C-alpha atoms as a PDB file:
ATOM      1  CA  MET A   1      84.510 -31.067  40.481  1.00  0.00           C
ATOM      2  CA  VAL A   2      84.377 -27.307  40.661  1.00  0.00           C
ATOM      3  CA  PHE A   3      87.053 -24.923  39.790  1.00  0.00           C
ATOM      4  CA  PHE A   4      86.262 -21.254  40.223  1.00  0.00           C
ATOM      5  CA  ARG A   5      88.007 -17.834  40.162  1.00  0.00           C
ATOM      6  CA  LEU A   6      86.851 -14.504  41.539  1.00  0.00           C
ATOM      7  CA  SER A   7      88.638 -11.214  40.883  1.00  0.00           C
ATOM      8  CA  PRO A   8      87.786  -7.474  40.933  1.00  0.00           C
ATOM      9  CA  VAL A   9      87.191  -6.156  37.364  1.00  0.00           C
ATOM     10  CA  PRO A  10      87.420  -2.420  36.582  1.00  0.00           C
ATOM     11  CA  GLY A  11      85.552  -2.783  33.338  1.00  0.00           C
ATOM     12  CA  SER A  12      83.532  -0.595  31.221  1.00  0.00           C
ATOM     13  CA  GLY A  13      80.351  -2.485  32.387  1.00  0.00           C
ATOM     14  CA  LEU A  14      80.972  -1.114  35.865  1.00  0.00           C
ATOM     15  CA  VAL A  15      80.670   2.388  34.583  1.00  0.00           C
ATOM     16  CA  LEU A  16      77.317   1.774  33.305  1.00  0.00           C
ATOM     17  CA  LEU A  17      76.166  -0.014  36.430  1.00  0.00           C
ATOM     18  CA  CYS A  18      77.231   2.768  38.663  1.00  0.00           C
ATOM     19  CA  LEU A  19      74.801   4.995  36.796  1.00  0.00           C
ATOM     20  CA  VAL A  20      72.143   2.508  37.947  1.00  0.00           C
ATOM     21  CA  LEU A  21      73.354   1.434  41.416  1.00  0.00           C
ATOM     22  CA  GLY A  22      75.869   4.005  42.470  1.00  0.00           C
ATOM     23  CA  ALA A  23      79.648   3.398  42.979  1.00  0.00           C
ATOM     24  CA  VAL A  24      79.843  -0.238  43.982  1.00  0.00           C
ATOM     25  CA  SER A  25      82.520  -3.036  43.733  1.00  0.00           C
ATOM     26  CA  SER A  26      82.234  -5.316  40.778  1.00  0.00           C
ATOM     27  CA  TYR A  27      83.616  -8.837  40.679  1.00  0.00           C
ATOM     28  CA  SER A  28      84.086 -11.283  37.749  1.00  0.00           C
ATOM     29  CA  LEU A  29      82.896 -14.908  38.681  1.00  0.00           C
ATOM     30  CA  GLU A  30      84.360 -17.721  36.780  1.00  0.00           C
ATOM     31  CA  LEU A  31      83.350 -21.392  36.880  1.00  0.00           C
ATOM     32  CA  ASN A  32      84.687 -24.600  35.445  1.00  0.00           C
ATOM     33  CA  LEU A  33      82.769 -27.703  36.168  1.00  0.00           C
ATOM     34  CA  THR A  34      84.291 -31.014  35.341  1.00  0.00           C
ATOM     35  CA  ASN A  35      82.807 -34.477  35.090  1.00  0.00           C
ATOM     36  CA  SER A  36      84.036 -37.729  36.527  1.00  0.00           C
ATOM     37  CA  GLU A  37      86.508 -38.093  33.798  1.00  0.00           C
ATOM     38  CA  LYS A  38      87.991 -34.584  34.723  1.00  0.00           C
ATOM     39  CA  ASN A  39      86.693 -33.025  31.406  1.00  0.00           C
ATOM     40  CA  ILE A  40      85.142 -29.756  31.386  1.00  0.00           C
ATOM     41  CA  CYS A  41      81.359 -30.003  30.992  1.00  0.00           C
ATOM     42  CA  LEU A  42      80.281 -26.347  31.658  1.00  0.00           C
ATOM     43  CA  TYR A  43      82.118 -23.134  31.502  1.00  0.00           C
ATOM     44  CA  ALA A  44      80.890 -19.731  32.798  1.00  0.00           C
ATOM     45  CA  LYS A  45      82.418 -16.311  33.372  1.00  0.00           C
ATOM     46  CA  TRP A  46      80.136 -13.232  34.134  1.00  0.00           C
ATOM     47  CA  GLN A  47      79.413 -10.192  36.321  1.00  0.00           C
ATOM     48  CA  MET A  48      76.199  -9.506  38.095  1.00  0.00           C
ATOM     49  CA  ASN A  49      74.596  -7.418  40.823  1.00  0.00           C
ATOM     50  CA  PHE A  50      71.144  -7.386  42.347  1.00  0.00           C
ATOM     51  CA  ARG A  51      68.871  -4.767  43.727  1.00  0.00           C
ATOM     52  CA  ILE A  52      66.085  -5.731  46.136  1.00  0.00           C
ATOM     53  CA  ARG A  53      63.170  -3.673  47.512  1.00  0.00           C
ATOM     54  CA  TYR A  54      61.412  -4.574  50.778  1.00  0.00           C
ATOM     55  CA  GLU A  55      58.917  -3.103  53.133  1.00  0.00           C
ATOM     56  CA  THR A  56      59.830  -2.095  56.598  1.00  0.00           C
ATOM     57  CA  THR A  57      57.865  -2.266  59.853  1.00  0.00           C
ATOM     58  CA  SER A  58      57.067   1.480  59.452  1.00  0.00           C
ATOM     59  CA  LYS A  59      55.497   0.745  56.045  1.00  0.00           C
ATOM     60  CA  ASN A  60      58.310   2.375  54.123  1.00  0.00           C
ATOM     61  CA  TYR A  61      60.314   0.786  51.451  1.00  0.00           C
ATOM     62  CA  LYS A  62      64.098   0.359  51.449  1.00  0.00           C
ATOM     63  CA  PHE A  63      66.512  -0.881  48.843  1.00  0.00           C
ATOM     64  CA  VAL A  64      69.505  -3.341  49.301  1.00  0.00           C
ATOM     65  CA  THR A  65      72.073  -3.539  46.593  1.00  0.00           C
ATOM     66  CA  ILE A  66      73.959  -6.924  46.435  1.00  0.00           C
ATOM     67  CA  SER A  67      77.330  -6.316  44.669  1.00  0.00           C
ATOM     68  CA  ASP A  68      79.981  -7.771  46.972  1.00  0.00           C
ATOM     69  CA  LEU A  69      80.489 -11.289  45.723  1.00  0.00           C
ATOM     70  CA  ALA A  70      84.023 -11.925  47.169  1.00  0.00           C
ATOM     71  CA  ASN A  71      82.886 -14.771  49.271  1.00  0.00           C
ATOM     72  CA  ALA A  72      80.747 -16.577  46.723  1.00  0.00           C
ATOM     73  CA  THR A  73      80.628 -20.382  46.731  1.00  0.00           C
ATOM     74  CA  TYR A  74      79.323 -22.892  44.223  1.00  0.00           C
ATOM     75  CA  ASN A  75      77.941 -25.808  46.139  1.00  0.00           C
ATOM     76  CA  GLY A  76      75.323 -27.710  44.324  1.00  0.00           C
ATOM     77  CA  SER A  77      76.650 -26.867  40.795  1.00  0.00           C
ATOM     78  CA  ILE A  78      76.575 -29.920  38.601  1.00  0.00           C
ATOM     79  CA  CYS A  79      77.310 -31.268  35.191  1.00  0.00           C
ATOM     80  CA  GLY A  80      73.882 -33.010  34.869  1.00  0.00           C
ATOM     81  CA  ASP A  81      73.096 -36.481  33.484  1.00  0.00           C
ATOM     82  CA  ASP A  82      70.438 -37.999  31.259  1.00  0.00           C
ATOM     83  CA  GLN A  83      67.676 -37.045  33.635  1.00  0.00           C
ATOM     84  CA  ASN A  84      68.950 -33.586  34.786  1.00  0.00           C
ATOM     85  CA  GLY A  85      70.708 -30.843  32.936  1.00  0.00           C
ATOM     86  CA  PRO A  86      73.638 -28.802  34.034  1.00  0.00           C
ATOM     87  CA  LYS A  87      73.151 -26.372  36.884  1.00  0.00           C
ATOM     88  CA  ILE A  88      75.107 -23.393  38.314  1.00  0.00           C
ATOM     89  CA  VAL A  89      74.345 -22.632  41.872  1.00  0.00           C
ATOM     90  CA  VAL A  90      76.097 -19.722  43.680  1.00  0.00           C
ATOM     91  CA  GLN A  91      75.761 -18.677  47.284  1.00  0.00           C
ATOM     92  CA  PHE A  92      76.624 -15.419  48.828  1.00  0.00           C
ATOM     93  CA  GLY A  93      76.826 -16.088  52.511  1.00  0.00           C
ATOM     94  CA  SER A  94      73.883 -17.480  54.137  1.00  0.00           C
ATOM     95  CA  VAL A  95      71.355 -14.832  52.930  1.00  0.00           C
ATOM     96  CA  PHE A  96      71.447 -15.151  49.097  1.00  0.00           C
ATOM     97  CA  SER A  97      71.568 -17.904  46.455  1.00  0.00           C
ATOM     98  CA  TRP A  98      71.426 -17.792  42.729  1.00  0.00           C
ATOM     99  CA  VAL A  99      70.646 -20.785  40.324  1.00  0.00           C
ATOM    100  CA  VAL A 100      70.659 -21.261  36.571  1.00  0.00           C
ATOM    101  CA  ASN A 101      69.347 -24.319  34.914  1.00  0.00           C
ATOM    102  CA  PHE A 102      70.307 -25.513  31.504  1.00  0.00           C
ATOM    103  CA  THR A 103      68.390 -27.771  28.979  1.00  0.00           C
ATOM    104  CA  LYS A 104      69.081 -29.104  25.437  1.00  0.00           C
ATOM    105  CA  ASP A 105      67.646 -30.739  22.478  1.00  0.00           C
ATOM    106  CA  VAL A 106      69.231 -32.234  19.388  1.00  0.00           C
ATOM    107  CA  SER A 107      71.000 -29.146  18.140  1.00  0.00           C
ATOM    108  CA  THR A 108      70.785 -26.393  20.730  1.00  0.00           C
ATOM    109  CA  TYR A 109      71.039 -25.784  24.426  1.00  0.00           C
ATOM    110  CA  SER A 110      69.133 -23.233  26.466  1.00  0.00           C
ATOM    111  CA  ILE A 111      69.645 -20.992  29.597  1.00  0.00           C
ATOM    112  CA  ASP A 112      66.356 -22.197  30.889  1.00  0.00           C
ATOM    113  CA  ILE A 113      65.354 -20.625  34.192  1.00  0.00           C
ATOM    114  CA  ILE A 114      67.274 -18.183  36.563  1.00  0.00           C
ATOM    115  CA  SER A 115      66.182 -18.184  40.142  1.00  0.00           C
ATOM    116  CA  PHE A 116      67.320 -15.835  42.905  1.00  0.00           C
ATOM    117  CA  SER A 117      66.514 -16.359  46.666  1.00  0.00           C
ATOM    118  CA  TYR A 118      67.068 -14.045  49.471  1.00  0.00           C
ATOM    119  CA  ASP A 119      66.302 -14.187  53.295  1.00  0.00           C
ATOM    120  CA  THR A 120      64.974 -11.273  54.884  1.00  0.00           C
ATOM    121  CA  SER A 121      65.367 -12.637  58.319  1.00  0.00           C
ATOM    122  CA  ASP A 122      68.917 -11.394  58.279  1.00  0.00           C
ATOM    123  CA  ASN A 123      68.556  -8.137  60.191  1.00  0.00           C
ATOM    124  CA  THR A 124      71.928  -6.804  59.116  1.00  0.00           C
ATOM    125  CA  THR A 125      71.098  -6.975  55.526  1.00  0.00           C
ATOM    126  CA  PHE A 126      67.328  -6.242  55.857  1.00  0.00           C
ATOM    127  CA  PRO A 127      66.837  -4.108  58.928  1.00  0.00           C
ATOM    128  CA  ASP A 128      63.379  -3.645  60.044  1.00  0.00           C
ATOM    129  CA  ALA A 129      61.833  -5.886  57.494  1.00  0.00           C
ATOM    130  CA  LYS A 130      58.191  -6.298  57.830  1.00  0.00           C
ATOM    131  CA  GLU A 131      58.057  -9.822  56.433  1.00  0.00           C
ATOM    132  CA  LYS A 132      60.605 -12.452  57.581  1.00  0.00           C
ATOM    133  CA  GLY A 133      61.576 -15.364  55.565  1.00  0.00           C
ATOM    134  CA  ILE A 134      63.060 -16.776  52.328  1.00  0.00           C
ATOM    135  CA  PHE A 135      61.718 -15.248  49.085  1.00  0.00           C
ATOM    136  CA  THR A 136      62.446 -16.595  45.672  1.00  0.00           C
ATOM    137  CA  VAL A 137      61.967 -15.122  42.220  1.00  0.00           C
ATOM    138  CA  TYR A 138      61.884 -17.201  39.010  1.00  0.00           C
ATOM    139  CA  ASN A 139      62.799 -15.734  35.621  1.00  0.00           C
ATOM    140  CA  PRO A 140      62.347 -18.010  32.543  1.00  0.00           C
ATOM    141  CA  VAL A 141      64.819 -17.247  29.854  1.00  0.00           C
ATOM    142  CA  ALA A 142      64.629 -20.093  27.437  1.00  0.00           C
ATOM    143  CA  PHE A 143      66.438 -19.168  24.205  1.00  0.00           C
ATOM    144  CA  GLY A 144      68.449 -21.349  22.062  1.00  0.00           C
ATOM    145  CA  ILE A 145      72.240 -21.470  21.630  1.00  0.00           C
ATOM    146  CA  PRO A 146      73.748 -23.846  19.017  1.00  0.00           C
ATOM    147  CA  LEU A 147      75.510 -26.857  20.637  1.00  0.00           C
ATOM    148  CA  ASN A 148      79.329 -26.337  20.761  1.00  0.00           C
ATOM    149  CA  ASP A 149      78.927 -22.535  20.704  1.00  0.00           C
ATOM    150  CA  ILE A 150      79.866 -20.357  23.659  1.00  0.00           C
ATOM    151  CA  PHE A 151      77.137 -17.696  24.550  1.00  0.00           C
ATOM    152  CA  ARG A 152      78.574 -14.144  24.896  1.00  0.00           C
ATOM    153  CA  CYS A 153      76.835 -11.050  25.964  1.00  0.00           C
ATOM    154  CA  SER A 154      79.008  -8.101  27.001  1.00  0.00           C
ATOM    155  CA  SER A 155      76.121  -5.623  27.043  1.00  0.00           C
ATOM    156  CA  MET A 156      74.005  -4.917  30.146  1.00  0.00           C
ATOM    157  CA  SER A 157      71.058  -7.370  30.491  1.00  0.00           C
ATOM    158  CA  THR A 158      68.249  -6.759  33.103  1.00  0.00           C
ATOM    159  CA  LEU A 159      65.840  -9.253  34.534  1.00  0.00           C
ATOM    160  CA  GLU A 160      63.200  -7.855  36.874  1.00  0.00           C
ATOM    161  CA  LYS A 161      60.375  -9.486  38.648  1.00  0.00           C
ATOM    162  CA  ASN A 162      58.497  -8.609  41.880  1.00  0.00           C
ATOM    163  CA  ASP A 163      60.876  -6.725  44.173  1.00  0.00           C
ATOM    164  CA  VAL A 164      64.193  -7.865  42.447  1.00  0.00           C
ATOM    165  CA  VAL A 165      66.125  -6.442  39.642  1.00  0.00           C
ATOM    166  CA  GLN A 166      69.094  -8.471  38.439  1.00  0.00           C
ATOM    167  CA  TYR A 167      71.835  -6.978  36.303  1.00  0.00           C
ATOM    168  CA  TYR A 168      74.296  -9.017  34.190  1.00  0.00           C
ATOM    169  CA  TRP A 169      77.145  -8.164  31.747  1.00  0.00           C
ATOM    170  CA  ASP A 170      80.309  -9.502  30.479  1.00  0.00           C
ATOM    171  CA  VAL A 171      78.550 -12.970  30.227  1.00  0.00           C
ATOM    172  CA  HIS A 172      80.387 -15.995  28.693  1.00  0.00           C
ATOM    173  CA  VAL A 173      78.825 -19.388  29.202  1.00  0.00           C
ATOM    174  CA  GLN A 174      78.781 -22.759  27.528  1.00  0.00           C
ATOM    175  CA  ALA A 175      76.797 -25.768  28.844  1.00  0.00           C
ATOM    176  CA  PHE A 176      77.114 -29.238  27.454  1.00  0.00           C
ATOM    177  CA  VAL A 177      80.781 -28.711  26.532  1.00  0.00           C
ATOM    178  CA  GLN A 178      81.864 -31.253  23.895  1.00  0.00           C
ATOM    179  CA  ASN A 179      85.064 -33.348  24.421  1.00  0.00           C
ATOM    180  CA  GLY A 180      86.010 -31.263  27.381  1.00  0.00           C
ATOM    181  CA  THR A 181      87.134 -28.327  25.114  1.00  0.00           C
ATOM    182  CA  VAL A 182      85.463 -24.849  25.497  1.00  0.00           C
ATOM    183  CA  SER A 183      84.483 -23.553  22.119  1.00  0.00           C
ATOM    184  CA  THR A 184      85.843 -20.469  20.615  1.00  0.00           C
ATOM    185  CA  LYS A 185      82.864 -19.977  18.212  1.00  0.00           C
ATOM    186  CA  GLU A 186      80.641 -17.302  19.823  1.00  0.00           C
ATOM    187  CA  PHE A 187      76.882 -16.991  19.708  1.00  0.00           C
ATOM    188  CA  LEU A 188      76.071 -13.268  20.526  1.00  0.00           C
ATOM    189  CA  CYS A 189      73.047 -11.985  22.261  1.00  0.00           C
ATOM    190  CA  ASP A 190      70.909  -9.537  20.445  1.00  0.00           C
ATOM    191  CA  LYS A 191      72.335  -6.453  22.142  1.00  0.00           C
ATOM    192  CA  ASP A 192      75.935  -7.388  21.274  1.00  0.00           C
ATOM    193  CA  LYS A 193      74.780  -7.984  17.620  1.00  0.00           C
ATOM    194  CA  THR A 194      73.416  -4.453  17.531  1.00  0.00           C
ATOM    195  CA  SER A 195      76.357  -2.851  19.278  1.00  0.00           C
ATOM    196  CA  THR A 196      78.801  -4.585  16.871  1.00  0.00           C
ATOM    197  CA  THR A 197      77.095  -3.551  13.687  1.00  0.00           C
ATOM    198  CA  ALA A 198      79.267  -1.334  11.702  1.00  0.00           C
ATOM    199  CA  VAL A 199      78.110   2.400  11.408  1.00  0.00           C
ATOM    200  CA  PRO A 200      77.873   3.576   7.848  1.00  0.00           C
ATOM    201  CA  THR A 201      80.544   6.053   6.909  1.00  0.00           C
ATOM    202  CA  VAL A 202      79.290   9.271   5.475  1.00  0.00           C
ATOM    203  CA  HIS A 203      81.770  10.967   3.244  1.00  0.00           C
ATOM    204  CA  THR A 204      81.641  14.779   3.278  1.00  0.00           C
ATOM    205  CA  THR A 205      83.117  16.891   0.616  1.00  0.00           C
ATOM    206  CA  VAL A 206      84.857  19.912   1.967  1.00  0.00           C
ATOM    207  CA  PRO A 207      85.078  22.733  -0.348  1.00  0.00           C
ATOM    208  CA  SER A 208      88.551  23.960  -1.122  1.00  0.00           C
ATOM    209  CA  THR A 209      89.597  27.238   0.316  1.00  0.00           C
ATOM    210  CA  THR A 210      90.468  29.406  -2.649  1.00  0.00           C
ATOM    211  CA  MET A 211      91.974  32.727  -1.601  1.00  0.00           C
ATOM    212  CA  PRO A 212      90.090  35.746  -3.277  1.00  0.00           C
ATOM    213  CA  THR A 213      92.071  37.761  -5.683  1.00  0.00           C
ATOM    214  CA  PRO A 214      92.445  41.343  -4.749  1.00  0.00           C
ATOM    215  CA  LYS A 215      90.360  43.627  -6.851  1.00  0.00           C
ATOM    216  CA  GLU A 216      92.251  46.588  -6.096  1.00  0.00           C
ATOM    217  CA  LYS A 217      95.460  47.768  -4.468  1.00  0.00           C
ATOM    218  CA  PRO A 218      94.887  49.179  -0.902  1.00  0.00           C
ATOM    219  CA  GLU A 219      94.943  52.997  -0.548  1.00  0.00           C
ATOM    220  CA  VAL A 220      98.152  54.243   0.699  1.00  0.00           C
ATOM    221  CA  GLY A 221      97.770  56.435   3.822  1.00  0.00           C
ATOM    222  CA  SER A 222      99.845  58.033   6.537  1.00  0.00           C
ATOM    223  CA  TYR A 223      99.439  56.772  10.031  1.00  0.00           C
ATOM    224  CA  SER A 224     100.715  57.839  13.445  1.00  0.00           C
ATOM    225  CA  VAL A 225     100.812  56.622  16.917  1.00  0.00           C
ATOM    226  CA  ASN A 226     100.863  58.997  19.929  1.00  0.00           C
ATOM    227  CA  ASN A 227     101.701  58.698  23.452  1.00  0.00           C
ATOM    228  CA  GLY A 228     101.686  61.030  26.172  1.00  0.00           C
ATOM    229  CA  ASN A 229     104.932  62.608  25.177  1.00  0.00           C
ATOM    230  CA  GLY A 230     103.903  63.165  21.539  1.00  0.00           C
ATOM    231  CA  THR A 231     104.159  61.086  18.305  1.00  0.00           C
ATOM    232  CA  CYS A 232     106.225  57.861  18.705  1.00  0.00           C
ATOM    233  CA  LEU A 233     105.454  56.172  15.259  1.00  0.00           C
ATOM    234  CA  LEU A 234     104.976  57.331  11.768  1.00  0.00           C
ATOM    235  CA  ALA A 235     104.014  55.167   8.767  1.00  0.00           C
ATOM    236  CA  THR A 236     102.982  55.499   5.279  1.00  0.00           C
ATOM    237  CA  MET A 237     101.463  52.295   3.815  1.00  0.00           C
ATOM    238  CA  GLY A 238      98.560  50.409   2.351  1.00  0.00           C
ATOM    239  CA  LEU A 239      96.900  47.626   4.269  1.00  0.00           C
ATOM    240  CA  GLN A 240      94.807  44.680   3.257  1.00  0.00           C
ATOM    241  CA  LEU A 241      93.442  41.889   5.486  1.00  0.00           C
ATOM    242  CA  ASN A 242      92.262  38.331   4.496  1.00  0.00           C
ATOM    243  CA  ILE A 243      89.825  36.984   7.203  1.00  0.00           C
ATOM    244  CA  THR A 244      88.809  33.306   7.351  1.00  0.00           C
ATOM    245  CA  GLN A 245      85.509  32.862   8.952  1.00  0.00           C
ATOM    246  CA  GLU A 246      83.728  29.528   9.938  1.00  0.00           C
ATOM    247  CA  LYS A 247      82.633  27.198   7.215  1.00  0.00           C
ATOM    248  CA  LEU A 248      85.829  28.045   5.323  1.00  0.00           C
ATOM    249  CA  LYS A 249      84.504  31.376   4.067  1.00  0.00           C
ATOM    250  CA  ASN A 250      87.192  33.932   3.187  1.00  0.00           C
ATOM    251  CA  VAL A 251      86.523  37.704   3.389  1.00  0.00           C
ATOM    252  CA  LEU A 252      89.055  40.183   1.918  1.00  0.00           C
ATOM    253  CA  LEU A 253      89.065  43.658   3.322  1.00  0.00           C
ATOM    254  CA  THR A 254      90.898  46.641   1.746  1.00  0.00           C
ATOM    255  CA  LEU A 255      91.366  49.142   4.665  1.00  0.00           C
ATOM    256  CA  THR A 256      91.141  52.902   4.039  1.00  0.00           C
ATOM    257  CA  SER A 257      92.117  55.662   6.345  1.00  0.00           C
ATOM    258  CA  THR A 258      88.368  56.220   7.124  1.00  0.00           C
ATOM    259  CA  PHE A 259      87.870  52.564   8.082  1.00  0.00           C
ATOM    260  CA  LEU A 260      90.836  52.596  10.265  1.00  0.00           C
ATOM    261  CA  PHE A 261      89.587  55.781  12.063  1.00  0.00           C
ATOM    262  CA  LEU A 262      86.230  54.122  12.651  1.00  0.00           C
ATOM    263  CA  LEU A 263      87.883  50.963  13.844  1.00  0.00           C
ATOM    264  CA  GLN A 264      89.965  52.856  16.361  1.00  0.00           C
ATOM    265  CA  TRP A 265      86.863  54.744  17.614  1.00  0.00           C
ATOM    266  CA  VAL A 266      84.931  51.500  18.181  1.00  0.00           C
ATOM    267  CA  TRP A 267      87.900  49.410  19.506  1.00  0.00           C
ATOM    268  CA  PRO A 268      90.475  51.728  20.887  1.00  0.00           C
ATOM    269  CA  TRP A 269      92.802  48.830  21.440  1.00  0.00           C
ATOM    270  CA  ALA A 270      93.104  48.187  17.730  1.00  0.00           C
ATOM    271  CA  SER A 271      95.228  51.218  17.117  1.00  0.00           C
ATOM    272  CA  LEU A 272      98.170  50.960  14.656  1.00  0.00           C
END
């Protein structure tokens, strides 16, 4: 018996995929296969998209992106038996089908072969296709996963062969489920192992910002501010500025009458 769930997922994986395929819808596929005793034998949840290149009658090449999996069905998915292992079969309408075969030995199981088929006879999906018919690509995968572990790969994975590129991410799958209970022990793909490695922390010592001690008292001077009607402000004072620059460097300036005169000559808006 097959139980499945399909729902839109606005995840981080979609952001990465949009860079490759453009803005497309993304769906999370979820499948629970049960045996004759109603126990789960295979669990899978994942996201995927496909990109297909085909030649047209005008000898140009076009690309088709398959991302809308809202009408996916799972006819042909099986738990397997002593002669045949579990298999996931997904159809997208009458044009596309995707199949994953699993095998096992004494202590591990494997995602064995992934195949993808498409029918270029469909003129709506493949307009002006030069060659009409069903094409299938096979991608051997075959890496071992410990029995009773669930395989997880959140990172983007790519399979490319002939004219088809397959993209997968947010993958969770366990074949040969023991006692009908999906495991909580995860076996990570290499990309996830790399992305979850802790980045070493580099401790940087920041020098303390000690304020410099004034070496001398500022010179006392007389200053005035004039407007069009004459003098509007008179002041007798000493002025000292402490300026903090980048990299925490402090500069102490003792301003003299000559300095202020030059400052006003260069930057007239800096008048006192």
